[in-house]
Amino acid sequence: MSHPNIDVRYVANLARLELSDDEVALFQPQLEAILGQVQILTALDVSGIDPTAHASTVFGKMRDDTPHESLLSDAVLKNAPDQAQGQIRVPKVVTDA
């Protein structure tokens, strides 16, 4: 590994965690093992894999909007009581505290 002596206390301090000496001794090899696995993953050749590929089928995927489709259809805007710049204008509902 390129970082054989990971400072677990420093990492815990960044995460605002207080660790006992026993916890440091427990987490030290675990953190080194995790970083070892990350090094293995970074060595893999993924040049032929699509960046948005999934291991399983993705459900509930939203449709791709074409540039001419707006978020609010013209019919919705025509029926809105108040609209400006292609958006529905609504009354303020937050009161001053």
N, C-alpha and C. Protein backbone atom coordinates (compact mmCIF):
# COMPACT_ATOMS: atom_id res chain seq x y z
N MET A 1 0.83 -1.19 0.00
CA MET A 1 0.00 0.00 0.00
C MET A 1 0.87 1.24 0.00
N SER A 2 0.37 2.29 -0.61
CA SER A 2 1.14 3.52 -0.65
C SER A 2 1.07 4.28 0.67
N HIS A 3 0.08 4.02 1.50
CA HIS A 3 -0.05 4.68 2.80
C HIS A 3 -0.09 3.63 3.91
N PRO A 4 1.06 3.04 4.27
CA PRO A 4 1.04 1.96 5.24
C PRO A 4 0.66 2.42 6.65
N ASN A 5 0.91 3.68 6.98
CA ASN A 5 0.63 4.15 8.33
C ASN A 5 -0.46 5.22 8.30
N ILE A 6 -1.70 4.77 8.16
CA ILE A 6 -2.83 5.68 8.17
C ILE A 6 -3.04 6.14 9.61
N ASP A 7 -3.20 7.44 9.80
CA ASP A 7 -3.42 7.98 11.13
C ASP A 7 -4.92 7.94 11.42
N VAL A 8 -5.35 6.89 12.12
CA VAL A 8 -6.76 6.69 12.41
C VAL A 8 -7.29 7.80 13.30
N ARG A 9 -6.49 8.26 14.21
CA ARG A 9 -6.94 9.35 15.10
C ARG A 9 -7.21 10.63 14.28
N TYR A 10 -6.36 10.91 13.32
CA TYR A 10 -6.56 12.09 12.47
C TYR A 10 -7.85 11.96 11.68
N VAL A 11 -8.09 10.80 11.09
CA VAL A 11 -9.31 10.57 10.31
C VAL A 11 -10.52 10.67 11.23
N ALA A 12 -10.43 10.11 12.43
CA ALA A 12 -11.53 10.20 13.38
C ALA A 12 -11.78 11.65 13.79
N ASN A 13 -10.73 12.42 13.94
CA ASN A 13 -10.88 13.83 14.29
C ASN A 13 -11.59 14.58 13.17
N LEU A 14 -11.28 14.27 11.92
CA LEU A 14 -11.97 14.90 10.79
C LEU A 14 -13.46 14.60 10.82
N ALA A 15 -13.80 13.39 11.29
CA ALA A 15 -15.20 12.98 11.37
C ALA A 15 -15.82 13.37 12.71
N ARG A 16 -15.06 14.10 13.52
CA ARG A 16 -15.51 14.54 14.85
C ARG A 16 -15.88 13.36 15.74
N LEU A 17 -15.02 12.34 15.73
CA LEU A 17 -15.21 11.14 16.55
C LEU A 17 -14.09 11.05 17.58
N GLU A 18 -14.44 10.65 18.77
CA GLU A 18 -13.43 10.37 19.79
C GLU A 18 -13.27 8.86 19.87
N LEU A 19 -12.03 8.39 19.71
CA LEU A 19 -11.76 6.96 19.76
C LEU A 19 -10.85 6.64 20.93
N SER A 20 -11.13 5.50 21.57
CA SER A 20 -10.24 5.02 22.62
C SER A 20 -9.04 4.33 21.96
N ASP A 21 -8.03 4.01 22.75
CA ASP A 21 -6.86 3.31 22.21
C ASP A 21 -7.25 1.95 21.64
N ASP A 22 -8.20 1.27 22.29
CA ASP A 22 -8.66 -0.03 21.79
C ASP A 22 -9.35 0.11 20.43
N GLU A 23 -10.14 1.16 20.28
CA GLU A 23 -10.82 1.39 19.01
C GLU A 23 -9.84 1.73 17.90
N VAL A 24 -8.82 2.52 18.22
CA VAL A 24 -7.79 2.84 17.23
C VAL A 24 -7.10 1.56 16.77
N ALA A 25 -6.75 0.69 17.73
CA ALA A 25 -6.10 -0.58 17.39
C ALA A 25 -7.02 -1.47 16.55
N LEU A 26 -8.33 -1.38 16.77
CA LEU A 26 -9.29 -2.18 16.01
C LEU A 26 -9.49 -1.63 14.60
N PHE A 27 -9.59 -0.30 14.50
CA PHE A 27 -9.90 0.32 13.21
C PHE A 27 -8.69 0.47 12.29
N GLN A 28 -7.49 0.49 12.83
CA GLN A 28 -6.29 0.67 12.01
C GLN A 28 -6.19 -0.39 10.89
N PRO A 29 -6.22 -1.69 11.23
CA PRO A 29 -6.13 -2.68 10.15
C PRO A 29 -7.35 -2.68 9.23
N GLN A 30 -8.52 -2.33 9.77
CA GLN A 30 -9.72 -2.28 8.94
C GLN A 30 -9.60 -1.17 7.89
N LEU A 31 -9.13 0.00 8.31
CA LEU A 31 -8.97 1.11 7.38
C LEU A 31 -7.92 0.78 6.32
N GLU A 32 -6.83 0.15 6.72
CA GLU A 32 -5.80 -0.24 5.75
C GLU A 32 -6.33 -1.26 4.76
N ALA A 33 -7.19 -2.19 5.23
CA ALA A 33 -7.78 -3.18 4.33
C ALA A 33 -8.72 -2.52 3.33
N ILE A 34 -9.50 -1.55 3.79
CA ILE A 34 -10.41 -0.83 2.90
C ILE A 34 -9.62 -0.09 1.82
N LEU A 35 -8.57 0.61 2.23
CA LEU A 35 -7.76 1.34 1.26
C LEU A 35 -7.03 0.40 0.30
N GLY A 36 -6.70 -0.80 0.78
CA GLY A 36 -6.11 -1.81 -0.11
C GLY A 36 -7.08 -2.23 -1.18
N GLN A 37 -8.36 -2.39 -0.81
CA GLN A 37 -9.38 -2.75 -1.80
C GLN A 37 -9.60 -1.62 -2.80
N VAL A 38 -9.53 -0.39 -2.34
CA VAL A 38 -9.68 0.76 -3.24
C VAL A 38 -8.53 0.77 -4.25
N GLN A 39 -7.33 0.46 -3.79
CA GLN A 39 -6.19 0.40 -4.72
C GLN A 39 -6.39 -0.66 -5.78
N ILE A 40 -6.96 -1.80 -5.40
CA ILE A 40 -7.23 -2.86 -6.37
C ILE A 40 -8.24 -2.36 -7.40
N LEU A 41 -9.28 -1.66 -6.95
CA LEU A 41 -10.29 -1.15 -7.87
C LEU A 41 -9.73 -0.09 -8.82
N THR A 42 -8.84 0.76 -8.32
CA THR A 42 -8.27 1.79 -9.18
C THR A 42 -7.35 1.21 -10.24
N ALA A 43 -6.85 0.00 -10.02
CA ALA A 43 -5.96 -0.63 -10.99
C ALA A 43 -6.74 -1.30 -12.13
N LEU A 44 -8.05 -1.44 -12.00
CA LEU A 44 -8.85 -2.11 -13.03
C LEU A 44 -8.98 -1.24 -14.27
N ASP A 45 -9.01 -1.90 -15.44
CA ASP A 45 -9.22 -1.20 -16.70
C ASP A 45 -10.72 -1.12 -16.97
N VAL A 46 -11.28 0.06 -16.86
CA VAL A 46 -12.71 0.27 -17.08
C VAL A 46 -12.97 1.13 -18.30
N SER A 47 -12.01 1.18 -19.21
CA SER A 47 -12.13 2.06 -20.37
C SER A 47 -13.29 1.66 -21.29
N GLY A 48 -13.67 0.38 -21.31
CA GLY A 48 -14.75 -0.06 -22.20
C GLY A 48 -16.10 -0.09 -21.53
N ILE A 49 -16.22 0.40 -20.31
CA ILE A 49 -17.48 0.34 -19.59
C ILE A 49 -18.14 1.71 -19.60
N ASP A 50 -19.40 1.73 -19.94
CA ASP A 50 -20.16 2.98 -19.94
C ASP A 50 -20.25 3.52 -18.51
N PRO A 51 -19.97 4.80 -18.29
CA PRO A 51 -19.98 5.35 -16.94
C PRO A 51 -21.33 5.24 -16.24
N THR A 52 -22.41 5.12 -16.99
CA THR A 52 -23.72 5.02 -16.36
C THR A 52 -24.25 3.59 -16.34
N ALA A 53 -23.39 2.61 -16.55
CA ALA A 53 -23.83 1.22 -16.55
C ALA A 53 -24.18 0.79 -15.13
N HIS A 54 -25.20 -0.07 -15.01
CA HIS A 54 -25.63 -0.60 -13.72
C HIS A 54 -25.49 -2.12 -13.74
N ALA A 55 -25.24 -2.67 -12.58
CA ALA A 55 -25.11 -4.11 -12.47
C ALA A 55 -26.45 -4.80 -12.65
N SER A 56 -27.53 -4.12 -12.31
CA SER A 56 -28.86 -4.69 -12.47
C SER A 56 -29.74 -3.71 -13.21
N THR A 57 -30.90 -4.18 -13.62
CA THR A 57 -31.84 -3.35 -14.36
C THR A 57 -32.33 -2.21 -13.48
N VAL A 58 -32.40 -1.02 -14.05
CA VAL A 58 -32.84 0.15 -13.31
C VAL A 58 -34.32 0.37 -13.61
N PHE A 59 -35.13 0.42 -12.54
CA PHE A 59 -36.57 0.65 -12.69
C PHE A 59 -36.88 2.08 -12.28
N GLY A 60 -37.95 2.61 -12.80
CA GLY A 60 -38.39 3.95 -12.44
C GLY A 60 -37.52 5.03 -13.06
N LYS A 61 -36.84 4.69 -14.13
CA LYS A 61 -36.00 5.66 -14.81
C LYS A 61 -36.88 6.71 -15.48
N MET A 62 -36.51 7.97 -15.29
CA MET A 62 -37.29 9.05 -15.89
C MET A 62 -36.98 9.14 -17.38
N ARG A 63 -37.94 9.64 -18.13
CA ARG A 63 -37.75 9.78 -19.57
C ARG A 63 -36.77 10.91 -19.86
N ASP A 64 -36.15 10.83 -21.00
CA ASP A 64 -35.27 11.89 -21.43
C ASP A 64 -36.12 13.00 -22.04
N ASP A 65 -35.93 14.21 -21.57
CA ASP A 65 -36.63 15.35 -22.15
C ASP A 65 -35.85 15.85 -23.35
N THR A 66 -36.56 16.14 -24.40
CA THR A 66 -35.92 16.74 -25.55
C THR A 66 -35.88 18.24 -25.33
N PRO A 67 -34.99 18.95 -25.99
CA PRO A 67 -34.84 20.38 -25.74
C PRO A 67 -36.11 21.19 -25.93
N HIS A 68 -37.03 20.78 -26.83
CA HIS A 68 -38.23 21.58 -27.09
C HIS A 68 -39.32 21.32 -26.06
N GLU A 69 -39.15 20.31 -25.19
CA GLU A 69 -40.16 20.04 -24.17
C GLU A 69 -39.82 20.82 -22.91
N SER A 70 -40.77 21.60 -22.45
CA SER A 70 -40.53 22.33 -21.22
C SER A 70 -41.08 21.54 -20.04
N LEU A 71 -40.69 21.93 -18.84
CA LEU A 71 -41.17 21.24 -17.65
C LEU A 71 -42.67 21.47 -17.46
N LEU A 72 -43.13 22.63 -17.79
CA LEU A 72 -44.56 22.93 -17.69
C LEU A 72 -45.13 23.06 -19.10
N SER A 73 -46.14 22.28 -19.36
CA SER A 73 -46.73 22.35 -20.70
C SER A 73 -47.52 23.64 -20.86
N ASP A 74 -47.77 24.01 -22.09
CA ASP A 74 -48.53 25.23 -22.37
C ASP A 74 -49.94 25.15 -21.78
N ALA A 75 -50.54 23.96 -21.81
CA ALA A 75 -51.89 23.80 -21.27
C ALA A 75 -51.91 24.08 -19.77
N VAL A 76 -50.90 23.64 -19.06
CA VAL A 76 -50.83 23.88 -17.62
C VAL A 76 -50.69 25.37 -17.37
N LEU A 77 -49.83 26.04 -18.12
CA LEU A 77 -49.63 27.47 -17.92
C LEU A 77 -50.88 28.27 -18.28
N LYS A 78 -51.62 27.85 -19.30
CA LYS A 78 -52.84 28.56 -19.69
C LYS A 78 -53.89 28.46 -18.59
N ASN A 79 -53.92 27.36 -17.85
CA ASN A 79 -54.91 27.16 -16.79
C ASN A 79 -54.45 27.69 -15.44
N ALA A 80 -53.22 28.13 -15.33
CA ALA A 80 -52.72 28.65 -14.06
C ALA A 80 -53.33 30.02 -13.79
N PRO A 81 -53.70 30.31 -12.54
CA PRO A 81 -54.27 31.61 -12.23
C PRO A 81 -53.27 32.76 -12.43
N ASP A 82 -51.98 32.51 -12.24
CA ASP A 82 -50.98 33.55 -12.42
C ASP A 82 -49.68 32.88 -12.86
N GLN A 83 -49.05 33.43 -13.88
CA GLN A 83 -47.80 32.85 -14.36
C GLN A 83 -46.89 33.93 -14.88
N ALA A 84 -45.59 33.67 -14.82
CA ALA A 84 -44.59 34.61 -15.32
C ALA A 84 -43.35 33.83 -15.74
N GLN A 85 -42.78 34.17 -16.87
CA GLN A 85 -41.55 33.58 -17.38
C GLN A 85 -41.63 32.05 -17.46
N GLY A 86 -42.78 31.55 -17.88
CA GLY A 86 -42.94 30.11 -18.06
C GLY A 86 -43.08 29.33 -16.76
N GLN A 87 -43.38 30.03 -15.68
CA GLN A 87 -43.54 29.37 -14.38
C GLN A 87 -44.85 29.80 -13.74
N ILE A 88 -45.41 28.91 -12.93
CA ILE A 88 -46.64 29.23 -12.21
C ILE A 88 -46.27 30.07 -10.99
N ARG A 89 -46.94 31.20 -10.84
CA ARG A 89 -46.70 32.06 -9.68
C ARG A 89 -47.74 31.72 -8.62
N VAL A 90 -47.28 31.51 -7.38
CA VAL A 90 -48.18 31.16 -6.27
C VAL A 90 -48.01 32.17 -5.15
N PRO A 91 -49.03 32.31 -4.30
CA PRO A 91 -48.91 33.26 -3.20
C PRO A 91 -47.92 32.77 -2.15
N LYS A 92 -47.32 33.72 -1.45
CA LYS A 92 -46.37 33.40 -0.40
C LYS A 92 -47.12 32.72 0.75
N VAL A 93 -46.56 31.60 1.23
CA VAL A 93 -47.23 30.85 2.31
C VAL A 93 -46.38 30.81 3.57
N VAL A 94 -45.21 31.41 3.56
CA VAL A 94 -44.33 31.42 4.72
C VAL A 94 -44.55 32.73 5.46
N THR A 95 -44.85 32.65 6.74
CA THR A 95 -45.04 33.87 7.52
C THR A 95 -43.73 34.28 8.15
N ASP A 96 -43.60 35.55 8.43
CA ASP A 96 -42.40 36.05 9.10
C ASP A 96 -42.42 35.60 10.55
N ALA A 97 -41.32 35.11 11.02
CA ALA A 97 -41.26 34.61 12.39
C ALA A 97 -40.79 35.66 13.36
